């Protein structure tokens, strides 16, 4: 590739590389082996979430080297740095899960601070686990620099008795073991084979959901999210992403030119039609917030409501991310959505082309197994739907992918628990009744703190064969792997005095995912009386440290559980300083 000349007079890196007064700064760059030519090229941050915490992240270092090759080939100077992750699968079911959602903000903040502190001109972000994907995209939009996102890829499925096995099966196996339906030896076998490679959880859980979002929203190159993490073909996408970001610098195409109201709607469509994670209802509003776009949980759910569900992926369906890739990936899904006018064609993408132009070159057809025809979907409405009513005035969300219409309506008495540990212990002992609505409160963003996922409890219920016989609601959230009639993000949360804080055992609750209702059979007057008697938020064990700070700053789930005012309040754009 021919070397290009870039004018750095309007790029942030001029503050550390140009002019006699920057001689001390350049001395640090020479110390790292950079040439004079490299110092005066655009500096591109290559941000990764590589670590040895979980398989989601261990392939990112290799892929980052490919990105750097692409940046160099296109006359840029890559500067690699890392940030943290908290991996939900390992944090699940104990106090560690409180760190998960808070880590999204830490990731976005640390990327922002690194970019600002070193005056990098653009970013290629590599992420592999649930919160690192939205965290990285939030940082891109916040900084509003030329940005390209690339997913680290999914894990390969394990195989047992001729069937694919994923980590969801292990969580549910714990429930079967507790119910006496699985031996110690059988549990040991499944735990050893479920996760055979590097990569993020293989079903359409949060990581793969947000990977699909990265393409639909335009921040990732088309089809870059598809190949599993061990596949060396991912390296070619890494290199292409490095070249792409240099083209964006040249054309001054920034993250907010890509992330618009229309592209957010495209992203919500891909979540709905693939039966994606309910966590997208948190992450899309948070990304929108960084751009100053009003796009909250209820807006996301409006999109879900009229989007057909036609991609047959776990946990509601049969297949995993590897199968979606082999069936043509996100481009084929988007092309299918476009047939019914459900995609905005005119949205800019990381390639520098509009999404319609990218889809025009896709010739592959649906396979009818993983990707069904949009005209004959698995269901006519999205696999994830929103709920609202006197129990959740600010909304709630539920995944219904794979559920019949009959199973999407539930009325029963409340059995109230003050935290997940109480609920899980009760479920283990089967101290609940068929037909009840299990309520887990004080697990919201502020009240938890940290808005934990309830996968251990929901998986135990499924493992006990009770997934369709009880319902569960919480102001916390759920893993993308959760199955059953499980409602999360109930807002306002208990810590903020929401109606969920006022529930008592025996209150009759109705959940209707068909009509979008979540209500309790109590009058406004009775709710007001109970509110007057409410003793305020439950005191937590986190009165200092990172989680204390998070609890003081975090807002409600409807707006994405964000911790700062966002673009609406900003007084400058980083790129223009």
Protein backbone atom coordinates (compact mmCIF):
# COMPACT_ATOMS: atom_id res chain seq x y z
CA UNK A 1 0.00 0.00 0.00
CA UNK A 2 1.29 3.45 -0.94
CA UNK A 3 2.35 5.69 1.88
CA UNK A 4 -0.06 8.55 2.47
CA UNK A 5 0.62 11.98 3.84
CA UNK A 6 -1.64 13.17 6.63
CA UNK A 7 -1.97 16.76 7.77
CA UNK A 8 -1.78 16.64 11.57
CA UNK A 9 -2.68 20.28 12.11
CA UNK A 10 -6.19 19.32 13.18
CA UNK A 11 -5.44 15.96 14.80
CA UNK A 12 -5.07 15.52 18.59
CA UNK A 13 -1.63 13.93 18.31
CA UNK A 14 -0.16 17.24 17.19
CA UNK A 15 -0.12 18.16 20.89
CA UNK A 16 2.53 15.50 21.58
CA UNK A 17 4.45 15.20 18.29
CA UNK A 18 4.67 18.57 16.50
CA UNK A 19 6.91 21.57 17.10
CA UNK A 20 10.11 22.24 19.05
CA UNK A 21 8.25 22.51 22.36
CA UNK A 22 7.27 18.82 22.03
CA UNK A 23 10.84 17.55 21.96
CA UNK A 24 10.49 16.01 25.46
CA UNK A 25 7.34 14.21 24.38
CA UNK A 26 9.00 12.86 21.22
CA UNK A 27 11.91 11.57 23.29
CA UNK A 28 9.54 9.11 24.98
CA UNK A 29 8.33 7.94 21.56
CA UNK A 30 11.91 7.48 20.31
CA UNK A 31 12.55 5.44 23.46
CA UNK A 32 9.96 2.92 22.23
CA UNK A 33 11.70 2.50 18.88
CA UNK A 34 9.52 4.75 16.76
CA UNK A 35 11.10 6.39 13.75
CA UNK A 36 10.78 10.06 12.90
CA UNK A 37 8.30 9.18 10.16
CA UNK A 38 6.18 7.07 12.55
CA UNK A 39 6.09 9.85 15.13
CA UNK A 40 4.67 12.30 12.60
CA UNK A 41 2.01 9.92 11.30
CA UNK A 42 -1.45 9.74 12.92
CA UNK A 43 -1.33 7.87 16.24
CA UNK A 44 -4.01 5.18 16.44
CA UNK A 45 -5.00 3.66 19.76
CA UNK A 46 -5.43 -0.12 19.48
CA UNK A 47 -7.43 -0.84 22.61
CA UNK A 48 -7.89 -4.45 23.70
CA UNK A 49 -9.43 -6.22 26.64
CA UNK A 50 -6.81 -8.96 26.60
CA UNK A 51 -6.34 -10.76 29.88
CA UNK A 52 -6.22 -14.23 31.38
CA UNK A 53 -9.47 -13.87 33.31
CA UNK A 54 -11.57 -15.88 30.87
CA UNK A 55 -11.51 -17.53 27.41
CA UNK A 56 -13.40 -14.53 25.98
CA UNK A 57 -10.25 -12.45 26.06
CA UNK A 58 -7.25 -14.69 25.46
CA UNK A 59 -7.26 -14.38 21.65
CA UNK A 60 -7.39 -10.58 21.61
CA UNK A 61 -3.65 -10.04 21.87
CA UNK A 62 -3.06 -12.07 18.68
CA UNK A 63 -5.79 -10.23 16.84
CA UNK A 64 -4.46 -6.85 17.96
CA UNK A 65 -1.20 -7.56 16.14
CA UNK A 66 -3.15 -7.96 12.91
CA UNK A 67 -4.91 -4.65 13.51
CA UNK A 68 -1.54 -2.98 14.01
CA UNK A 69 -0.27 -4.40 10.72
CA UNK A 70 -3.27 -2.86 8.95
CA UNK A 71 -2.71 0.53 10.57
CA UNK A 72 0.97 0.48 9.60
CA UNK A 73 0.19 -0.57 6.02
CA UNK A 74 -2.11 2.45 5.69
CA UNK A 75 0.48 4.98 6.99
CA UNK A 76 -0.57 5.12 10.62
CA UNK A 77 1.28 4.44 13.86
CA UNK A 78 -0.56 2.01 16.15
CA UNK A 79 -0.23 2.27 19.94
CA UNK A 80 -1.61 -0.76 21.73
CA UNK A 81 -3.08 -0.54 25.22
CA UNK A 82 -5.33 -2.71 27.35
CA UNK A 83 -8.22 -2.25 29.71
CA UNK A 84 -10.06 -4.43 32.21
CA UNK A 85 -12.90 -6.88 31.89
CA UNK A 86 -15.14 -8.66 34.34
CA UNK A 87 -16.39 -11.87 32.80
CA UNK A 88 -19.98 -12.62 33.72
CA UNK A 89 -19.70 -16.40 33.49
CA UNK A 90 -17.07 -16.42 36.23
CA UNK A 91 -18.61 -13.56 38.23
CA UNK A 92 -22.06 -15.19 38.12
CA UNK A 93 -23.92 -16.28 41.24
CA UNK A 94 -21.78 -14.57 43.90
CA UNK A 95 -20.68 -11.14 45.04
CA UNK A 96 -18.33 -10.80 42.07
CA UNK A 97 -21.30 -10.17 39.79
CA UNK A 98 -21.75 -6.75 41.37
CA UNK A 99 -18.59 -5.70 39.53
CA UNK A 100 -19.86 -6.67 36.10
CA UNK A 101 -22.06 -3.78 34.96
CA UNK A 102 -19.86 -1.29 36.78
CA UNK A 103 -16.95 -2.61 34.70
CA UNK A 104 -18.67 -1.31 31.55
CA UNK A 105 -18.22 2.23 32.84
CA UNK A 106 -14.65 1.52 33.97
CA UNK A 107 -13.82 0.22 30.49
CA UNK A 108 -15.31 3.25 28.76
CA UNK A 109 -13.65 5.62 31.25
CA UNK A 110 -10.20 3.99 31.03
CA UNK A 111 -10.24 4.00 27.22
CA UNK A 112 -11.30 7.65 27.23
CA UNK A 113 -8.57 8.61 29.69
CA UNK A 114 -5.87 6.75 27.78
CA UNK A 115 -6.91 8.33 24.49
CA UNK A 116 -7.10 11.82 26.01
CA UNK A 117 -3.88 11.52 27.98
CA UNK A 118 -1.79 10.46 24.99
CA UNK A 119 -3.68 12.42 22.31
CA UNK A 120 -4.41 9.52 19.99
CA UNK A 121 -6.18 10.39 16.75
CA UNK A 122 -8.39 7.35 16.27
CA UNK A 123 -9.20 4.01 17.83
CA UNK A 124 -9.62 0.39 16.87
CA UNK A 125 -11.21 -1.39 19.81
CA UNK A 126 -11.10 -5.17 20.34
CA UNK A 127 -13.40 -6.74 22.91
CA UNK A 128 -14.51 -10.24 23.77
CA UNK A 129 -16.85 -10.31 26.75
CA UNK A 130 -20.27 -9.02 27.75
CA UNK A 131 -19.48 -5.54 29.13
CA UNK A 132 -16.33 -4.91 27.17
CA UNK A 133 -18.24 -4.68 23.88
CA UNK A 134 -20.63 -1.88 24.90
CA UNK A 135 -17.94 -0.27 27.05
CA UNK A 136 -15.59 -0.02 24.07
CA UNK A 137 -18.33 1.32 21.79
CA UNK A 138 -19.39 3.85 24.44
CA UNK A 139 -15.81 5.17 24.59
CA UNK A 140 -15.69 5.54 20.81
CA UNK A 141 -18.89 7.55 20.70
CA UNK A 142 -17.92 9.61 23.76
CA UNK A 143 -14.59 10.60 22.22
CA UNK A 144 -16.13 10.99 18.75
CA UNK A 145 -12.94 9.94 16.98
CA UNK A 146 -12.62 7.85 13.82
CA UNK A 147 -13.44 4.42 15.25
CA UNK A 148 -13.59 0.79 14.21
CA UNK A 149 -14.78 -1.97 16.53
CA UNK A 150 -13.85 -5.63 16.15
CA UNK A 151 -15.17 -8.53 18.19
CA UNK A 152 -12.73 -11.16 19.40
CA UNK A 153 -15.04 -13.98 18.30
CA UNK A 154 -17.15 -16.66 19.93
CA UNK A 155 -16.10 -19.88 21.59
CA UNK A 156 -16.54 -23.18 19.79
CA UNK A 157 -19.28 -25.40 21.21
CA UNK A 158 -18.44 -28.57 23.08
CA UNK A 159 -19.91 -31.90 21.96
CA UNK A 160 -21.62 -34.47 24.15
CA UNK A 161 -23.67 -37.41 22.92
CA UNK A 162 -23.78 -35.96 19.41
CA UNK A 163 -25.11 -32.56 20.51
CA UNK A 164 -23.56 -29.12 20.93
CA UNK A 165 -22.99 -28.13 24.55
CA UNK A 166 -22.50 -24.56 25.80
CA UNK A 167 -21.97 -22.97 29.20
CA UNK A 168 -25.74 -22.44 29.59
CA UNK A 169 -26.06 -26.23 29.69
CA UNK A 170 -23.59 -26.34 32.59
CA UNK A 171 -25.55 -23.80 34.62
CA UNK A 172 -28.72 -25.77 33.98
CA UNK A 173 -26.90 -29.01 34.81
CA UNK A 174 -26.33 -27.61 38.30
CA UNK A 175 -30.12 -27.40 38.70
CA UNK A 176 -30.51 -30.99 37.49
CA UNK A 177 -27.79 -32.11 39.90
CA UNK A 178 -29.55 -30.40 42.79
CA UNK A 179 -32.79 -32.07 41.75
CA UNK A 180 -31.09 -35.48 41.81
CA UNK A 181 -31.40 -35.90 38.04
CA UNK A 182 -27.67 -35.79 37.33
CA UNK A 183 -24.80 -37.57 39.05
CA UNK A 184 -21.51 -36.03 40.20
CA UNK A 185 -19.72 -37.84 37.37
CA UNK A 186 -22.13 -36.55 34.71
CA UNK A 187 -21.76 -32.98 36.01
CA UNK A 188 -17.97 -33.30 35.91
CA UNK A 189 -18.08 -34.48 32.28
CA UNK A 190 -20.23 -31.58 31.06
CA UNK A 191 -18.17 -28.94 32.90
CA UNK A 192 -15.00 -30.25 31.25
CA UNK A 193 -16.24 -30.23 27.66
CA UNK A 194 -18.61 -27.25 27.43
CA UNK A 195 -15.95 -24.62 26.69
CA UNK A 196 -13.28 -26.14 24.40
CA UNK A 197 -11.57 -23.01 23.00
CA UNK A 198 -10.89 -19.30 23.26
CA UNK A 199 -13.83 -17.00 22.69
CA UNK A 200 -17.01 -15.64 24.25
CA UNK A 201 -20.05 -17.76 25.14
CA UNK A 202 -21.40 -19.30 21.96
CA UNK A 203 -25.15 -18.72 22.15
CA UNK A 204 -26.96 -15.48 21.41
CA UNK A 205 -26.10 -14.24 24.84
CA UNK A 206 -24.88 -10.73 25.59
CA UNK A 207 -21.45 -10.92 23.92
CA UNK A 208 -22.72 -12.28 20.60
CA UNK A 209 -25.76 -10.03 20.76
CA UNK A 210 -23.55 -6.95 21.07
CA UNK A 211 -21.22 -8.34 18.40
CA UNK A 212 -24.17 -8.41 16.01
CA UNK A 213 -25.01 -4.89 17.18
CA UNK A 214 -21.50 -3.70 16.30
CA UNK A 215 -22.11 -4.56 12.64
CA UNK A 216 -25.71 -3.35 12.51
CA UNK A 217 -24.86 -0.04 14.17
CA UNK A 218 -22.01 0.44 11.71
CA UNK A 219 -18.95 0.56 14.00
CA UNK A 220 -17.63 -2.82 12.80
CA UNK A 221 -16.80 -4.01 9.31
CA UNK A 222 -19.49 -6.19 7.79
CA UNK A 223 -19.13 -9.88 8.77
CA UNK A 224 -16.18 -9.14 11.06
CA UNK A 225 -17.97 -10.47 14.16
CA UNK A 226 -18.82 -13.89 12.77
CA UNK A 227 -15.80 -16.19 12.79
CA UNK A 228 -15.10 -17.99 16.09
CA UNK A 229 -12.12 -16.75 18.09
CA UNK A 230 -9.73 -19.63 17.19
CA UNK A 231 -10.18 -19.13 13.43
CA UNK A 232 -7.16 -17.51 11.82
CA UNK A 233 -9.51 -15.83 9.33
CA UNK A 234 -10.22 -13.35 12.12
CA UNK A 235 -6.74 -11.94 11.58
CA UNK A 236 -7.68 -10.76 8.09
CA UNK A 237 -10.60 -8.81 9.54
CA UNK A 238 -8.22 -7.33 12.12
CA UNK A 239 -5.88 -6.10 9.41
CA UNK A 240 -8.80 -4.74 7.38
CA UNK A 241 -10.06 -2.90 10.48
CA UNK A 242 -6.64 -1.23 10.84
CA UNK A 243 -6.75 -0.07 7.22
CA UNK A 244 -10.38 1.06 7.61
CA UNK A 245 -9.64 3.36 10.56
CA UNK A 246 -6.95 5.14 8.54
CA UNK A 247 -9.47 5.72 5.75
CA UNK A 248 -11.87 7.19 8.32
CA UNK A 249 -9.16 9.58 9.52
CA UNK A 250 -8.50 10.68 5.95
CA UNK A 251 -12.21 11.33 5.35
CA UNK A 252 -12.85 12.73 8.87
CA UNK A 253 -15.64 10.24 9.50
CA UNK A 254 -16.14 10.02 13.24
CA UNK A 255 -18.06 7.72 15.57
CA UNK A 256 -21.09 10.02 15.82
CA UNK A 257 -21.32 10.17 12.04
CA UNK A 258 -21.94 6.44 12.28
CA UNK A 259 -23.96 6.14 15.51
CA UNK A 260 -27.22 7.97 14.83
CA UNK A 261 -30.84 7.47 15.78
CA UNK A 262 -31.32 5.43 12.61
CA UNK A 263 -28.32 3.20 13.22
CA UNK A 264 -29.46 2.59 16.80
CA UNK A 265 -32.80 1.44 15.41
CA UNK A 266 -30.93 -0.90 13.05
CA UNK A 267 -29.04 -2.25 16.04
CA UNK A 268 -32.25 -2.86 17.99
CA UNK A 269 -33.65 -4.74 14.98
CA UNK A 270 -30.73 -7.17 14.94
CA UNK A 271 -31.22 -7.86 18.67
CA UNK A 272 -34.91 -8.60 18.21
CA UNK A 273 -34.70 -10.77 15.12
CA UNK A 274 -31.92 -12.93 16.61
CA UNK A 275 -33.59 -13.37 20.01
CA UNK A 276 -30.69 -11.52 21.59
CA UNK A 277 -29.90 -10.67 25.18
CA UNK A 278 -32.14 -8.42 27.27
CA UNK A 279 -28.94 -6.62 28.24
CA UNK A 280 -29.10 -4.84 24.89
CA UNK A 281 -31.91 -2.86 26.50
CA UNK A 282 -29.26 -1.38 28.80
CA UNK A 283 -26.39 -1.05 26.37
CA UNK A 284 -28.10 0.60 23.39
CA UNK A 285 -29.47 3.48 25.51
CA UNK A 286 -26.01 3.87 27.09
CA UNK A 287 -24.34 4.13 23.67
CA UNK A 288 -27.05 6.58 22.56
CA UNK A 289 -26.40 8.63 25.71
CA UNK A 290 -22.77 9.11 24.70
CA UNK A 291 -23.96 10.65 21.43
CA UNK A 292 -26.62 12.82 23.04
CA UNK A 293 -29.42 10.81 21.42
CA UNK A 294 -32.63 10.21 23.37
CA UNK A 295 -33.11 6.46 22.89
CA UNK A 296 -34.16 4.67 26.06
CA UNK A 297 -35.38 1.21 27.05
CA UNK A 298 -38.94 1.91 25.92
CA UNK A 299 -37.71 3.09 22.50
CA UNK A 300 -35.70 -0.10 22.18
CA UNK A 301 -38.73 -2.17 23.12
CA UNK A 302 -40.89 -0.36 20.54
CA UNK A 303 -38.46 -1.60 17.89
CA UNK A 304 -38.55 -5.10 19.36
CA UNK A 305 -42.33 -5.14 19.24
CA UNK A 306 -42.63 -4.92 15.45
CA UNK A 307 -39.52 -6.89 14.46
CA UNK A 308 -40.01 -10.53 13.46
CA UNK A 309 -37.86 -13.13 15.21
CA UNK A 310 -36.36 -15.36 12.53
CA UNK A 311 -32.82 -16.37 13.56
CA UNK A 312 -32.81 -19.69 15.42
CA UNK A 313 -30.12 -19.24 18.08
CA UNK A 314 -29.66 -20.43 21.65
CA UNK A 315 -30.93 -20.00 24.32
CA UNK A 316 -34.43 -19.85 22.79
CA UNK A 317 -33.43 -21.74 19.65
CA UNK A 318 -31.11 -24.49 18.53
CA UNK A 319 -27.91 -23.03 17.10
CA UNK A 320 -24.80 -21.13 18.21
CA UNK A 321 -22.70 -18.25 16.85
CA UNK A 322 -20.49 -20.57 14.81
CA UNK A 323 -23.59 -21.82 12.98
CA UNK A 324 -24.74 -18.25 12.27
CA UNK A 325 -21.31 -17.48 10.80
CA UNK A 326 -21.47 -20.55 8.57
CA UNK A 327 -24.97 -19.54 7.44
CA UNK A 328 -23.72 -16.15 6.25
CA UNK A 329 -23.64 -14.12 9.43
CA UNK A 330 -25.04 -10.70 10.20
CA UNK A 331 -24.95 -9.45 6.58
CA UNK A 332 -27.44 -12.13 5.50
CA UNK A 333 -29.67 -11.34 8.48
CA UNK A 334 -29.60 -7.61 7.68
CA UNK A 335 -30.29 -8.32 4.03
CA UNK A 336 -33.32 -10.36 5.07
CA UNK A 337 -34.56 -7.54 7.33
CA UNK A 338 -34.20 -5.12 4.45
CA UNK A 339 -36.68 -7.11 2.36
CA UNK A 340 -39.50 -5.81 4.59
CA UNK A 341 -38.11 -2.29 4.89
CA UNK A 342 -36.93 -2.72 8.48
CA UNK A 343 -33.39 -1.42 7.93
CA UNK A 344 -32.31 2.18 7.33
CA UNK A 345 -30.08 1.87 4.26
CA UNK A 346 -28.51 5.30 4.47
CA UNK A 347 -26.48 4.83 7.66
CA UNK A 348 -22.71 5.29 7.41
CA UNK A 349 -20.48 2.36 8.42
CA UNK A 350 -16.84 1.88 9.42
CA UNK A 351 -16.01 0.96 5.83
CA UNK A 352 -16.85 4.51 4.75
CA UNK A 353 -19.83 3.15 2.81
CA UNK A 354 -23.51 3.26 3.69
CA UNK A 355 -25.01 0.05 5.00
CA UNK A 356 -27.21 -0.22 1.91
CA UNK A 357 -24.10 -0.24 -0.30
CA UNK A 358 -22.61 -3.00 1.85
CA UNK A 359 -25.77 -5.10 1.65
CA UNK A 360 -26.01 -4.64 -2.13
CA UNK A 361 -22.92 -6.82 -2.59
CA UNK A 362 -24.25 -9.65 -0.38
CA UNK A 363 -25.41 -12.52 -2.58
CA UNK A 364 -25.69 -15.35 -0.09
CA UNK A 365 -29.19 -16.63 0.65
CA UNK A 366 -30.71 -17.82 3.91
CA UNK A 367 -30.27 -21.47 4.87
CA UNK A 368 -33.77 -21.94 6.36
CA UNK A 369 -32.34 -23.58 9.48
CA UNK A 370 -30.32 -20.99 11.32
CA UNK A 371 -31.68 -18.01 9.39
CA UNK A 372 -35.32 -18.35 8.40
CA UNK A 373 -37.18 -16.22 5.88
CA UNK A 374 -38.38 -12.92 7.30
CA UNK A 375 -41.78 -13.61 5.69
CA UNK A 376 -42.11 -16.88 7.65
CA UNK A 377 -40.45 -16.06 11.00
CA UNK A 378 -40.25 -18.14 14.14
CA UNK A 379 -42.56 -15.50 15.62
CA UNK A 380 -43.99 -12.25 14.31
CA UNK A 381 -42.60 -10.13 17.14
CA UNK A 382 -39.08 -9.83 18.44
CA UNK A 383 -37.51 -12.36 20.71
CA UNK A 384 -37.14 -9.64 23.34
CA UNK A 385 -40.10 -7.45 24.37
CA UNK A 386 -40.77 -4.53 26.70
CA UNK A 387 -43.31 -4.38 29.50
CA UNK A 388 -44.85 -1.46 31.38
CA UNK A 389 -47.52 -0.99 34.02
CA UNK A 390 -48.08 -0.01 37.63
CA UNK A 391 -45.36 -2.43 38.73
CA UNK A 392 -42.81 -0.96 36.29
CA UNK A 393 -43.72 2.62 35.32
CA UNK A 394 -40.26 3.06 33.76
CA UNK A 395 -40.45 -0.25 31.96
CA UNK A 396 -39.08 -3.76 32.14
CA UNK A 397 -37.81 -6.28 29.62
CA UNK A 398 -38.25 -9.99 28.98
CA UNK A 399 -36.82 -12.48 26.47
CA UNK A 400 -39.60 -14.56 24.89
CA UNK A 401 -37.63 -16.19 22.07
CA UNK A 402 -38.72 -19.81 21.83
CA UNK A 403 -41.80 -19.30 24.04
CA UNK A 404 -45.32 -19.92 22.80
CA UNK A 405 -47.91 -17.14 23.05
CA UNK A 406 -49.66 -19.19 25.73
CA UNK A 407 -46.49 -19.24 27.85
CA UNK A 408 -46.12 -15.46 27.59
CA UNK A 409 -49.02 -14.72 29.94
CA UNK A 410 -48.68 -15.43 33.66
CA UNK A 411 -50.66 -14.43 36.76
CA UNK A 412 -49.70 -15.57 40.23
CA UNK A 413 -49.00 -14.58 43.83
CA UNK A 414 -45.71 -12.92 44.69
CA UNK A 415 -43.03 -14.67 46.70
CA UNK A 416 -40.69 -11.84 47.67
CA UNK A 417 -36.94 -12.09 48.30
CA UNK A 418 -34.69 -9.21 49.35
CA UNK A 419 -31.67 -10.38 47.33
CA UNK A 420 -30.55 -13.10 44.94
CA UNK A 421 -28.89 -15.21 47.65
CA UNK A 422 -32.20 -15.56 49.48
CA UNK A 423 -33.96 -16.56 46.27
CA UNK A 424 -31.29 -19.05 45.19
CA UNK A 425 -31.25 -20.75 48.61
CA UNK A 426 -35.03 -21.05 48.51
CA UNK A 427 -34.97 -22.48 44.99
CA UNK A 428 -32.31 -25.00 45.98
CA UNK A 429 -34.56 -26.18 48.81
CA UNK A 430 -37.63 -25.96 46.52
CA UNK A 431 -39.26 -23.61 48.99
CA UNK A 432 -41.62 -22.16 46.43
CA UNK A 433 -44.83 -23.25 44.77
CA UNK A 434 -45.86 -23.82 41.20
CA UNK A 435 -47.74 -20.82 39.86
CA UNK A 436 -45.88 -18.24 41.96
CA UNK A 437 -44.07 -15.14 40.76
CA UNK A 438 -40.65 -15.06 42.37
CA UNK A 439 -39.65 -11.44 43.10
CA UNK A 440 -35.98 -10.57 43.64
CA UNK A 441 -35.48 -6.93 44.58
CA UNK A 442 -32.66 -4.68 45.77
CA UNK A 443 -30.54 -5.87 42.84
CA UNK A 444 -30.79 -2.74 40.68
CA UNK A 445 -27.84 -0.62 39.50
CA UNK A 446 -27.79 1.49 42.68
CA UNK A 447 -29.47 -0.83 45.16
CA UNK A 448 -27.37 -3.90 44.51
CA UNK A 449 -25.15 -2.17 43.84
CA UNK A 450 -24.21 -3.36 40.37
CA UNK A 451 -27.40 -4.88 38.90
CA UNK A 452 -26.38 -8.51 39.10
CA UNK A 453 -27.52 -11.16 36.66
CA UNK A 454 -29.75 -13.92 38.06
CA UNK A 455 -28.55 -16.80 35.88
CA UNK A 456 -27.77 -19.11 38.77
CA UNK A 457 -31.34 -18.83 40.06
CA UNK A 458 -33.05 -19.02 36.67
CA UNK A 459 -30.86 -21.89 35.53
CA UNK A 460 -31.64 -23.78 38.74
CA UNK A 461 -35.36 -23.31 38.08
CA UNK A 462 -34.94 -24.59 34.52
CA UNK A 463 -32.87 -27.49 35.75
CA UNK A 464 -35.66 -28.40 38.17
CA UNK A 465 -38.15 -28.41 35.29
CA UNK A 466 -39.95 -25.35 36.68
CA UNK A 467 -39.00 -22.81 34.01
CA UNK A 468 -42.57 -22.67 32.66
CA UNK A 469 -44.32 -23.24 35.98
CA UNK A 470 -43.15 -20.11 37.78
CA UNK A 471 -42.28 -16.59 36.68
CA UNK A 472 -39.52 -14.36 38.02
CA UNK A 473 -39.20 -10.58 38.15
CA UNK A 474 -36.31 -8.44 39.36
CA UNK A 475 -34.88 -4.94 39.31
CA UNK A 476 -31.62 -6.71 38.49
CA UNK A 477 -30.92 -8.23 35.12
CA UNK A 478 -30.49 -11.55 33.40
CA UNK A 479 -27.81 -13.29 31.46
CA UNK A 480 -28.35 -13.63 27.76
CA UNK A 481 -28.40 -17.35 28.55
CA UNK A 482 -31.48 -17.09 30.75
CA UNK A 483 -34.55 -19.13 29.75
CA UNK A 484 -38.06 -19.10 31.12
CA UNK A 485 -40.49 -16.28 31.89
CA UNK A 486 -38.00 -13.95 33.55
CA UNK A 487 -38.55 -10.19 33.66
CA UNK A 488 -35.62 -7.87 34.38
CA UNK A 489 -34.77 -4.17 34.54
CA UNK A 490 -37.96 -3.42 36.50
CA UNK A 491 -37.90 0.33 37.01
CA UNK A 492 -37.78 2.35 39.09
CA UNK A 493 -35.65 -0.05 41.10
CA UNK A 494 -36.37 -0.82 44.76
CA UNK A 495 -33.56 1.46 45.99
CA UNK A 496 -35.28 4.39 44.28
CA UNK A 497 -38.65 3.58 45.82
CA UNK A 498 -40.15 1.87 42.79
CA UNK A 499 -43.30 -0.25 43.19
CA UNK A 500 -41.18 -3.41 43.35
CA UNK A 501 -39.97 -2.15 46.76
CA UNK A 502 -43.57 -2.18 48.01
CA UNK A 503 -44.56 -5.74 47.10
CA UNK A 504 -45.56 -8.26 49.75
CA UNK A 505 -45.95 -12.03 49.67
CA UNK A 506 -49.25 -12.98 48.08
CA UNK A 507 -49.75 -9.82 45.98
CA UNK A 508 -51.21 -10.92 42.63
CA UNK A 509 -48.93 -10.08 39.74
CA UNK A 510 -49.79 -10.25 36.04
CA UNK A 511 -47.17 -10.46 33.31
CA UNK A 512 -48.42 -10.33 29.73
CA UNK A 513 -45.67 -10.25 27.13
CA UNK A 514 -48.23 -10.31 24.32
CA UNK A 515 -49.85 -7.02 25.37
CA UNK A 516 -46.72 -5.62 27.07
CA UNK A 517 -48.19 -5.47 30.60
CA UNK A 518 -46.61 -5.95 34.01
CA UNK A 519 -48.90 -5.04 36.88
CA UNK A 520 -49.81 -5.82 40.45
CA UNK A 521 -53.42 -6.02 41.62
CA UNK A 522 -53.14 -3.06 44.00
CA UNK A 523 -54.85 0.30 43.81
CA UNK A 524 -52.89 3.52 43.52
CA UNK A 525 -54.14 4.36 47.01
CA UNK A 526 -52.76 1.14 48.47
CA UNK A 527 -49.41 1.67 46.75
CA UNK A 528 -49.28 5.21 48.17
CA UNK A 529 -50.00 3.89 51.68
CA UNK A 530 -47.23 1.34 51.38
CA UNK A 531 -44.85 3.98 50.05
CA UNK A 532 -45.43 6.07 53.16
CA UNK A 533 -44.51 3.05 55.29
CA UNK A 534 -41.41 2.22 53.20
CA UNK A 535 -38.26 2.44 55.29
CA UNK A 536 -36.00 3.48 52.43
CA UNK A 537 -33.22 1.72 50.52
CA UNK A 538 -31.64 -1.36 51.99
CA UNK A 539 -28.16 -0.69 53.37
CA UNK A 540 -25.47 -2.57 51.47
CA UNK A 541 -22.00 -3.79 52.36
CA UNK A 542 -20.46 -1.43 49.79
CA UNK A 543 -19.98 1.84 51.65
CA UNK A 544 -16.55 2.56 50.18
CA UNK A 545 -14.55 1.78 47.07
CA UNK A 546 -15.50 1.51 43.42
CA UNK A 547 -18.97 0.09 43.95
CA UNK A 548 -19.81 2.83 46.44
CA UNK A 549 -18.87 5.45 43.87
CA UNK A 550 -20.84 3.60 41.22
CA UNK A 551 -23.98 3.46 43.39
CA UNK A 552 -23.80 7.22 43.99
CA UNK A 553 -23.53 8.05 40.29
CA UNK A 554 -25.57 5.45 38.44
CA UNK A 555 -28.96 6.26 36.99
CA UNK A 556 -31.92 4.03 36.23
CA UNK A 557 -32.06 1.10 33.83
CA UNK A 558 -34.45 2.92 31.47
CA UNK A 559 -31.69 5.33 30.41
CA UNK A 560 -29.01 2.63 30.31
CA UNK A 561 -27.68 2.77 33.90
CA UNK A 562 -25.22 5.52 32.98
CA UNK A 563 -23.00 7.47 35.36
CA UNK A 564 -22.47 10.88 33.74
CA UNK A 565 -24.59 13.50 31.93
CA UNK A 566 -23.50 12.41 28.45
CA UNK A 567 -23.13 14.36 25.24
CA UNK A 568 -26.03 16.68 26.03
CA UNK A 569 -23.93 18.33 28.73
CA UNK A 570 -20.51 18.28 27.05
CA UNK A 571 -18.76 21.58 26.35
CA UNK A 572 -16.22 20.27 23.87
CA UNK A 573 -15.46 17.38 21.54
CA UNK A 574 -12.14 15.68 22.21
CA UNK A 575 -11.13 15.62 18.53
CA UNK A 576 -11.48 19.39 18.26
CA UNK A 577 -9.39 20.45 21.26
